[in-house]
Amino acid sequence: MSENETHRPLGGRRLVVTRPRRQGGLLAAKLEALGAEVLLAPTIRIEPPENPAPLDDAIHASKSGKYDWIVFTSVNAVEAFFGRAAEAPNAHYAAIGPATAEALETRGLNADIVPGRHVAEDVF
């Protein structure tokens, strides 16, 4: 290990990133820039549901005004929902974290609530 690596905040540390492969690279690059040796080891894979009917039912119900709020807990949830929804429901949106709020913004939607701590329990 070079002297430069040991003087960075994570120099000399080995870390494992378990995020899905397509999402782990950016985090790994940031950790490496801080001096860490990073191993990418995805432990989950994000895939569409085998049976999309429950999601389609929820999308239909949200469009008919059954729900006042839709809470998205991840960027993956936003992508799954709007991957099947042709248009956005007229509802309030909550996003668990800034990346999730940004995923809504790319669809022209604003999160009405983004909690300070990025956990579902802090939404309301």
Protein backbone atom coordinates (compact mmCIF):
# COMPACT_ATOMS: atom_id res chain seq x y z
CA MET A 1 0.00 0.00 0.00
CA SER A 2 1.36 3.39 -0.95
CA GLU A 3 1.82 6.18 1.55
CA ASN A 4 -0.79 8.21 -0.37
CA GLU A 5 -3.41 5.50 0.22
CA THR A 6 -2.82 5.34 3.98
CA HIS A 7 -3.36 9.10 4.33
CA ARG A 8 -6.81 9.04 2.74
CA PRO A 9 -9.78 8.60 5.12
CA LEU A 10 -10.39 4.95 4.16
CA GLY A 11 -6.78 4.07 3.37
CA GLY A 12 -5.91 0.53 4.39
CA ARG A 13 -9.57 -0.52 4.67
CA ARG A 14 -11.20 -3.30 2.66
CA LEU A 15 -14.93 -2.91 2.05
CA VAL A 16 -17.58 -5.05 0.39
CA VAL A 17 -20.39 -3.34 -1.54
CA THR A 18 -23.48 -5.56 -1.69
CA ARG A 19 -25.74 -3.32 -3.77
CA PRO A 20 -27.11 -4.63 -7.08
CA ARG A 21 -24.38 -4.67 -9.73
CA ARG A 22 -25.73 -1.71 -11.74
CA GLN A 23 -25.95 0.45 -8.60
CA GLY A 24 -22.78 -0.55 -6.79
CA GLY A 25 -20.22 0.90 -9.16
CA LEU A 26 -20.71 4.56 -8.24
CA LEU A 27 -20.49 3.83 -4.52
CA ALA A 28 -17.40 1.68 -5.09
CA ALA A 29 -15.72 4.48 -7.06
CA LYS A 30 -16.40 6.99 -4.26
CA LEU A 31 -15.03 4.60 -1.64
CA GLU A 32 -11.93 3.89 -3.72
CA ALA A 33 -11.35 7.65 -4.10
CA LEU A 34 -11.25 7.76 -0.29
CA GLY A 35 -8.56 5.06 -0.28
CA ALA A 36 -10.58 1.88 0.26
CA GLU A 37 -9.99 -1.41 -1.48
CA VAL A 38 -13.48 -2.38 -2.69
CA LEU A 39 -14.96 -5.73 -3.59
CA LEU A 40 -18.25 -5.65 -5.49
CA ALA A 41 -20.37 -8.58 -4.29
CA PRO A 42 -24.04 -7.99 -5.17
CA THR A 43 -26.32 -9.92 -2.85
CA ILE A 44 -29.62 -9.00 -4.48
CA ARG A 45 -30.89 -8.70 -8.01
CA ILE A 46 -33.70 -6.32 -8.90
CA GLU A 47 -36.17 -7.97 -11.28
CA PRO A 48 -39.77 -7.38 -12.28
CA PRO A 49 -42.32 -9.39 -10.32
CA GLU A 50 -43.30 -12.79 -11.70
CA ASN A 51 -46.92 -11.71 -11.37
CA PRO A 52 -47.33 -7.97 -12.04
CA ALA A 53 -51.08 -8.02 -11.26
CA PRO A 54 -50.78 -6.67 -7.66
CA LEU A 55 -48.59 -3.79 -8.87
CA ASP A 56 -50.96 -3.11 -11.77
CA ASP A 57 -53.90 -3.14 -9.34
CA ALA A 58 -52.14 -0.62 -7.08
CA ILE A 59 -51.33 1.60 -10.07
CA HIS A 60 -54.96 1.48 -11.24
CA ALA A 61 -56.24 2.24 -7.72
CA SER A 62 -53.85 5.17 -7.39
CA LYS A 63 -55.06 6.65 -10.69
CA SER A 64 -58.69 6.35 -9.62
CA GLY A 65 -57.98 8.46 -6.51
CA LYS A 66 -58.08 5.63 -3.98
CA TYR A 67 -54.79 6.76 -2.43
CA ASP A 68 -53.88 10.23 -1.20
CA TRP A 69 -50.18 9.40 -0.80
CA ILE A 70 -47.70 7.18 -2.57
CA VAL A 71 -44.51 6.49 -0.61
CA PHE A 72 -41.48 5.40 -2.62
CA THR A 73 -38.79 3.70 -0.57
CA SER A 74 -36.13 3.50 -3.28
CA VAL A 75 -35.14 4.47 -6.79
CA ASN A 76 -35.96 0.87 -7.72
CA ALA A 77 -39.54 1.36 -6.51
CA VAL A 78 -39.94 4.51 -8.61
CA GLU A 79 -38.59 2.69 -11.66
CA ALA A 80 -40.86 -0.33 -11.10
CA PHE A 81 -43.97 1.81 -10.57
CA PHE A 82 -43.45 4.13 -13.51
CA GLY A 83 -42.17 1.33 -15.69
CA ARG A 84 -45.76 0.05 -15.66
CA ALA A 85 -47.72 3.30 -15.18
CA ALA A 86 -48.38 5.23 -18.38
CA GLU A 87 -49.10 8.43 -16.45
CA ALA A 88 -48.57 9.75 -12.96
CA PRO A 89 -51.46 9.51 -10.50
CA ASN A 90 -52.82 12.67 -8.91
CA ALA A 91 -51.46 12.06 -5.42
CA HIS A 92 -48.93 13.34 -2.93
CA TYR A 93 -45.53 11.68 -3.11
CA ALA A 94 -43.05 10.85 -0.38
CA ALA A 95 -39.50 9.77 -1.16
CA ILE A 96 -37.20 8.02 1.29
CA GLY A 97 -34.03 9.91 0.51
CA PRO A 98 -32.71 12.38 -2.02
CA ALA A 99 -31.90 9.81 -4.73
CA THR A 100 -35.51 8.60 -4.66
CA ALA A 101 -36.76 12.20 -4.81
CA GLU A 102 -34.45 12.80 -7.78
CA ALA A 103 -35.90 9.73 -9.54
CA LEU A 104 -39.35 11.31 -9.16
CA GLU A 105 -38.04 14.66 -10.44
CA THR A 106 -36.75 13.00 -13.63
CA ARG A 107 -40.40 12.14 -14.27
CA GLY A 108 -41.55 15.71 -13.68
CA LEU A 109 -42.85 14.98 -10.17
CA ASN A 110 -41.91 16.53 -6.84
CA ALA A 111 -41.75 14.69 -3.55
CA ASP A 112 -43.96 16.46 -1.01
CA ILE A 113 -41.97 14.84 1.80
CA VAL A 114 -38.34 13.71 1.99
CA PRO A 115 -37.50 12.85 5.61
CA GLY A 116 -34.27 14.07 7.18
CA ARG A 117 -33.33 10.50 8.07
CA HIS A 118 -33.70 8.24 5.09
CA VAL A 119 -35.92 5.63 6.72
CA ALA A 120 -39.62 4.93 6.21
CA GLU A 121 -40.40 5.52 9.90
CA ASP A 122 -39.53 9.21 9.54
CA VAL A 123 -41.93 9.96 6.67
CA PHE A 124 -44.84 11.11 8.86
